[in-house]
């Protein structure tokens, strides 16, 4: 039973940063997604997946392979939106978009 809890915990650790992906796509900016978090998530998942395949430990390979895929998805999003300008219409607190009544003159 402890093994199941461990697998679930690993999947949660890998999946938690992915809630930011919707924000990145909505704002078309990576300002809410730190690069090093995505990179080390990818690196950690990759190294543990390689180790798990070498020792044929599928209980270790499944959550870390999932982390490798999720980390890759974050790096792809980062590559797509890294040069985009941040959107000022997005509120991070409630996740809603808002339009200003008076347009800025800049």
N, C-alpha and C. Protein backbone atom coordinates (compact mmCIF):
# COMPACT_ATOMS: atom_id res chain seq x y z
N UNK A 1 0.82 -1.20 0.00
CA UNK A 1 0.00 0.00 0.00
C UNK A 1 0.86 1.26 0.00
N UNK A 2 2.00 1.20 0.66
CA UNK A 2 2.89 2.36 0.70
C UNK A 2 3.43 2.67 -0.69
N UNK A 3 3.60 1.64 -1.50
CA UNK A 3 4.09 1.84 -2.86
C UNK A 3 3.10 2.66 -3.68
N UNK A 4 1.82 2.40 -3.50
CA UNK A 4 0.79 3.14 -4.23
C UNK A 4 0.81 4.61 -3.80
N UNK A 5 0.96 4.88 -2.52
CA UNK A 5 1.03 6.25 -2.04
C UNK A 5 2.26 6.95 -2.59
N UNK A 6 3.36 6.24 -2.66
CA UNK A 6 4.59 6.81 -3.21
C UNK A 6 4.45 7.16 -4.68
N UNK A 7 3.82 6.27 -5.44
CA UNK A 7 3.58 6.54 -6.86
C UNK A 7 2.68 7.76 -7.03
N UNK A 8 1.63 7.82 -6.23
CA UNK A 8 0.72 8.97 -6.31
C UNK A 8 1.41 10.27 -5.95
N UNK A 9 2.26 10.23 -4.95
CA UNK A 9 3.01 11.42 -4.54
C UNK A 9 3.94 11.89 -5.66
N UNK A 10 4.63 10.95 -6.29
CA UNK A 10 5.53 11.31 -7.39
C UNK A 10 4.76 11.92 -8.55
N UNK A 11 3.61 11.36 -8.88
CA UNK A 11 2.82 11.92 -9.97
C UNK A 11 2.33 13.33 -9.62
N UNK A 12 1.97 13.56 -8.36
CA UNK A 12 1.56 14.91 -7.94
C UNK A 12 2.71 15.89 -8.03
N UNK A 13 3.89 15.46 -7.65
CA UNK A 13 5.06 16.35 -7.72
C UNK A 13 5.33 16.76 -9.16
N UNK A 14 5.20 15.82 -10.08
CA UNK A 14 5.45 16.13 -11.48
C UNK A 14 4.31 16.93 -12.11
N UNK A 15 3.08 16.71 -11.66
CA UNK A 15 1.93 17.34 -12.31
C UNK A 15 1.61 18.73 -11.77
N UNK A 16 2.02 19.05 -10.55
CA UNK A 16 1.66 20.34 -9.96
C UNK A 16 2.11 21.55 -10.78
N UNK A 17 3.33 21.61 -11.30
CA UNK A 17 3.72 22.79 -12.08
C UNK A 17 2.95 22.94 -13.39
N UNK A 18 2.21 21.93 -13.80
CA UNK A 18 1.53 21.99 -15.09
C UNK A 18 0.26 22.83 -15.07
N UNK A 19 -0.22 23.25 -13.91
CA UNK A 19 -1.38 24.14 -13.89
C UNK A 19 -1.02 25.50 -14.47
N UNK A 20 0.27 25.80 -14.54
CA UNK A 20 0.72 27.08 -15.07
C UNK A 20 0.63 27.10 -16.60
N UNK A 21 0.58 25.93 -17.23
CA UNK A 21 0.56 25.87 -18.69
C UNK A 21 -0.64 26.59 -19.27
N UNK A 22 -1.79 26.51 -18.64
CA UNK A 22 -2.97 27.24 -19.11
C UNK A 22 -2.72 28.75 -19.06
N UNK A 23 -2.08 29.20 -18.00
CA UNK A 23 -1.76 30.62 -17.87
C UNK A 23 -0.79 31.06 -18.96
N UNK A 24 0.19 30.22 -19.26
CA UNK A 24 1.18 30.55 -20.30
C UNK A 24 0.48 30.67 -21.65
N UNK A 25 -0.39 29.75 -21.97
CA UNK A 25 -1.09 29.79 -23.26
C UNK A 25 -2.05 30.98 -23.31
N UNK A 26 -2.75 31.25 -22.21
CA UNK A 26 -3.71 32.36 -22.18
C UNK A 26 -3.00 33.71 -22.33
N UNK A 27 -1.92 33.91 -21.60
CA UNK A 27 -1.22 35.20 -21.64
C UNK A 27 -0.19 35.27 -22.75
N UNK A 28 0.14 34.13 -23.35
CA UNK A 28 1.18 34.04 -24.38
C UNK A 28 2.52 34.57 -23.86
N UNK A 29 2.79 34.28 -22.60
CA UNK A 29 4.01 34.72 -21.95
C UNK A 29 4.45 33.68 -20.93
N UNK A 30 5.76 33.50 -20.78
CA UNK A 30 6.29 32.53 -19.82
C UNK A 30 6.70 33.19 -18.50
N UNK A 31 6.20 34.38 -18.24
CA UNK A 31 6.59 35.07 -17.01
C UNK A 31 6.12 34.35 -15.75
N UNK A 32 5.10 33.51 -15.86
CA UNK A 32 4.58 32.78 -14.70
C UNK A 32 5.18 31.38 -14.57
N UNK A 33 6.05 30.98 -15.52
CA UNK A 33 6.64 29.64 -15.52
C UNK A 33 8.16 29.76 -15.53
N UNK A 34 8.81 29.53 -14.39
CA UNK A 34 10.27 29.63 -14.35
C UNK A 34 10.93 28.54 -15.19
N UNK A 35 11.94 28.94 -15.95
CA UNK A 35 12.62 28.01 -16.84
C UNK A 35 13.31 26.89 -16.07
N UNK A 36 14.03 27.23 -15.00
CA UNK A 36 14.80 26.22 -14.29
C UNK A 36 13.92 25.16 -13.63
N UNK A 37 12.74 25.52 -13.19
CA UNK A 37 11.81 24.52 -12.65
C UNK A 37 11.43 23.52 -13.74
N UNK A 38 11.09 24.01 -14.91
CA UNK A 38 10.74 23.12 -16.03
C UNK A 38 11.93 22.28 -16.46
N UNK A 39 13.10 22.89 -16.54
CA UNK A 39 14.29 22.17 -16.99
C UNK A 39 14.67 21.06 -16.02
N UNK A 40 14.68 21.35 -14.74
CA UNK A 40 15.07 20.33 -13.77
C UNK A 40 13.99 19.27 -13.57
N UNK A 41 12.74 19.61 -13.79
CA UNK A 41 11.68 18.60 -13.81
C UNK A 41 11.93 17.62 -14.95
N UNK A 42 12.25 18.14 -16.11
CA UNK A 42 12.59 17.31 -17.27
C UNK A 42 13.83 16.47 -17.01
N UNK A 43 14.87 17.09 -16.47
CA UNK A 43 16.13 16.39 -16.21
C UNK A 43 15.96 15.29 -15.16
N UNK A 44 15.28 15.59 -14.07
CA UNK A 44 15.05 14.60 -13.02
C UNK A 44 14.23 13.42 -13.54
N UNK A 45 13.16 13.71 -14.26
CA UNK A 45 12.35 12.64 -14.83
C UNK A 45 13.13 11.79 -15.81
N UNK A 46 13.96 12.43 -16.61
CA UNK A 46 14.75 11.69 -17.59
C UNK A 46 15.79 10.78 -16.97
N UNK A 47 16.52 11.30 -16.00
CA UNK A 47 17.56 10.50 -15.36
C UNK A 47 16.97 9.31 -14.61
N UNK A 48 15.89 9.53 -13.85
CA UNK A 48 15.27 8.44 -13.12
C UNK A 48 14.61 7.43 -14.05
N UNK A 49 14.10 7.89 -15.18
CA UNK A 49 13.50 6.97 -16.15
C UNK A 49 14.57 6.08 -16.78
N UNK A 50 15.71 6.66 -17.12
CA UNK A 50 16.81 5.86 -17.67
C UNK A 50 17.27 4.82 -16.66
N UNK A 51 17.42 5.24 -15.41
CA UNK A 51 17.82 4.30 -14.37
C UNK A 51 16.80 3.19 -14.20
N UNK A 52 15.52 3.55 -14.18
CA UNK A 52 14.46 2.55 -13.99
C UNK A 52 14.41 1.55 -15.14
N UNK A 53 14.67 2.02 -16.35
CA UNK A 53 14.69 1.09 -17.49
C UNK A 53 15.90 0.16 -17.39
N UNK A 54 17.03 0.69 -16.97
CA UNK A 54 18.24 -0.13 -16.85
C UNK A 54 18.09 -1.24 -15.81
N UNK A 55 17.45 -0.94 -14.70
CA UNK A 55 17.27 -1.95 -13.65
C UNK A 55 15.93 -2.67 -13.76
N UNK A 56 15.15 -2.33 -14.79
CA UNK A 56 13.83 -2.93 -15.05
C UNK A 56 12.87 -2.80 -13.86
N UNK A 57 12.81 -1.59 -13.32
CA UNK A 57 11.90 -1.29 -12.22
C UNK A 57 10.77 -0.43 -12.77
N UNK A 58 9.66 -1.07 -13.11
CA UNK A 58 8.56 -0.36 -13.75
C UNK A 58 7.79 0.52 -12.78
N UNK A 59 7.85 0.20 -11.50
CA UNK A 59 7.20 1.06 -10.51
C UNK A 59 7.93 2.40 -10.38
N UNK A 60 9.18 2.42 -10.72
CA UNK A 60 9.95 3.66 -10.74
C UNK A 60 9.86 4.34 -12.10
N UNK A 61 9.72 3.54 -13.15
CA UNK A 61 9.71 4.08 -14.51
C UNK A 61 8.42 4.83 -14.84
N UNK A 62 7.28 4.34 -14.34
CA UNK A 62 6.00 4.94 -14.73
C UNK A 62 5.86 6.39 -14.25
N UNK A 63 6.02 6.69 -12.96
CA UNK A 63 5.84 8.10 -12.55
C UNK A 63 6.94 9.01 -13.09
N UNK A 64 8.16 8.50 -13.18
CA UNK A 64 9.25 9.33 -13.68
C UNK A 64 9.19 9.50 -15.19
N UNK A 65 8.69 8.48 -15.89
CA UNK A 65 8.45 8.63 -17.33
C UNK A 65 7.36 9.66 -17.59
N UNK A 66 6.34 9.67 -16.74
CA UNK A 66 5.30 10.68 -16.82
C UNK A 66 5.88 12.07 -16.57
N UNK A 67 6.76 12.16 -15.57
CA UNK A 67 7.43 13.43 -15.29
C UNK A 67 8.29 13.90 -16.46
N UNK A 68 8.92 12.96 -17.13
CA UNK A 68 9.73 13.30 -18.31
C UNK A 68 8.84 13.88 -19.41
N UNK A 69 7.69 13.26 -19.63
CA UNK A 69 6.77 13.76 -20.67
C UNK A 69 6.22 15.13 -20.28
N UNK A 70 5.82 15.31 -19.02
CA UNK A 70 5.28 16.60 -18.58
C UNK A 70 6.36 17.70 -18.61
N UNK A 71 7.58 17.35 -18.23
CA UNK A 71 8.68 18.31 -18.30
C UNK A 71 8.99 18.71 -19.74
N UNK A 72 8.91 17.74 -20.65
CA UNK A 72 9.12 18.03 -22.07
C UNK A 72 8.04 18.98 -22.58
N UNK A 73 6.79 18.75 -22.17
CA UNK A 73 5.70 19.64 -22.58
C UNK A 73 5.94 21.06 -22.09
N UNK A 74 6.43 21.20 -20.85
CA UNK A 74 6.72 22.54 -20.33
C UNK A 74 7.84 23.21 -21.11
N UNK A 75 8.88 22.46 -21.45
CA UNK A 75 9.99 23.05 -22.21
C UNK A 75 9.55 23.44 -23.62
N UNK A 76 8.66 22.67 -24.22
CA UNK A 76 8.14 23.02 -25.54
C UNK A 76 7.34 24.32 -25.45
N UNK A 77 6.48 24.44 -24.43
CA UNK A 77 5.74 25.69 -24.23
C UNK A 77 6.69 26.86 -24.00
N UNK A 78 7.72 26.62 -23.22
CA UNK A 78 8.69 27.69 -22.96
C UNK A 78 9.37 28.13 -24.26
N UNK A 79 9.72 27.16 -25.12
CA UNK A 79 10.37 27.49 -26.40
C UNK A 79 9.42 28.27 -27.31
N UNK A 80 8.13 27.94 -27.28
CA UNK A 80 7.17 28.62 -28.14
C UNK A 80 6.93 30.06 -27.69
N UNK A 81 6.77 30.28 -26.38
CA UNK A 81 6.36 31.59 -25.87
C UNK A 81 7.48 32.39 -25.21
N UNK A 82 8.73 32.00 -25.36
CA UNK A 82 9.80 32.69 -24.63
C UNK A 82 10.04 34.12 -25.08
N UNK A 83 9.77 34.46 -26.32
CA UNK A 83 10.01 35.82 -26.81
C UNK A 83 8.75 36.66 -26.88
N UNK A 84 7.64 36.15 -26.41
CA UNK A 84 6.37 36.88 -26.47
C UNK A 84 6.33 37.96 -25.40
N UNK A 85 5.63 39.02 -25.70
CA UNK A 85 5.43 40.10 -24.73
C UNK A 85 4.35 39.67 -23.75
N UNK A 86 4.48 39.99 -22.45
CA UNK A 86 3.45 39.62 -21.49
C UNK A 86 2.16 40.40 -21.73
N UNK A 87 1.05 39.72 -21.51
CA UNK A 87 -0.26 40.34 -21.66
C UNK A 87 -0.63 41.06 -20.37
N UNK A 88 -1.06 42.31 -20.46
CA UNK A 88 -1.45 43.09 -19.29
C UNK A 88 -2.92 42.89 -18.94
N UNK A 89 -3.64 42.10 -19.74
CA UNK A 89 -5.07 41.90 -19.51
C UNK A 89 -5.35 40.72 -18.60
N UNK A 90 -4.35 40.09 -18.08
CA UNK A 90 -4.56 38.86 -17.32
C UNK A 90 -4.31 39.09 -15.85
N UNK A 91 -5.24 38.62 -15.05
CA UNK A 91 -5.10 38.72 -13.60
C UNK A 91 -4.77 37.34 -13.05
N UNK A 92 -3.62 37.18 -12.43
CA UNK A 92 -3.18 35.87 -11.93
C UNK A 92 -4.01 35.41 -10.74
N UNK A 93 -4.58 36.33 -9.97
CA UNK A 93 -5.30 35.95 -8.76
C UNK A 93 -6.50 35.07 -9.06
N UNK A 94 -7.36 35.51 -9.98
CA UNK A 94 -8.56 34.73 -10.23
C UNK A 94 -8.56 34.07 -11.61
N UNK A 95 -7.52 34.27 -12.39
CA UNK A 95 -7.41 33.63 -13.69
C UNK A 95 -8.32 34.22 -14.75
N UNK A 96 -8.88 35.40 -14.50
CA UNK A 96 -9.80 35.97 -15.47
C UNK A 96 -9.11 37.07 -16.28
N UNK A 97 -9.66 37.31 -17.44
CA UNK A 97 -9.16 38.40 -18.26
C UNK A 97 -10.03 39.61 -18.02
N UNK A 98 -9.42 40.77 -18.13
CA UNK A 98 -10.18 41.98 -17.92
C UNK A 98 -9.79 43.01 -18.98
N UNK A 99 -10.74 43.81 -19.37
CA UNK A 99 -10.46 44.87 -20.32
C UNK A 99 -10.58 46.21 -19.59
N UNK A 100 -9.67 47.11 -19.92
CA UNK A 100 -9.68 48.42 -19.31
C UNK A 100 -10.62 49.34 -20.08
N UNK A 101 -11.36 50.19 -19.35
CA UNK A 101 -12.30 51.10 -20.00
C UNK A 101 -11.59 52.21 -20.76
N UNK A 102 -10.47 52.66 -20.22
CA UNK A 102 -9.69 53.71 -20.86
C UNK A 102 -8.40 53.10 -21.38
N UNK A 103 -8.17 53.23 -22.67
CA UNK A 103 -6.98 52.65 -23.27
C UNK A 103 -5.77 53.49 -22.88
N UNK A 104 -4.64 52.84 -22.65
CA UNK A 104 -3.43 53.58 -22.31
C UNK A 104 -2.90 54.28 -23.56
N UNK A 105 -2.28 55.42 -23.36
CA UNK A 105 -1.82 56.23 -24.50
C UNK A 105 -0.44 55.84 -24.98
N UNK A 106 0.18 54.80 -24.40
CA UNK A 106 1.54 54.45 -24.80
C UNK A 106 1.57 53.56 -25.99
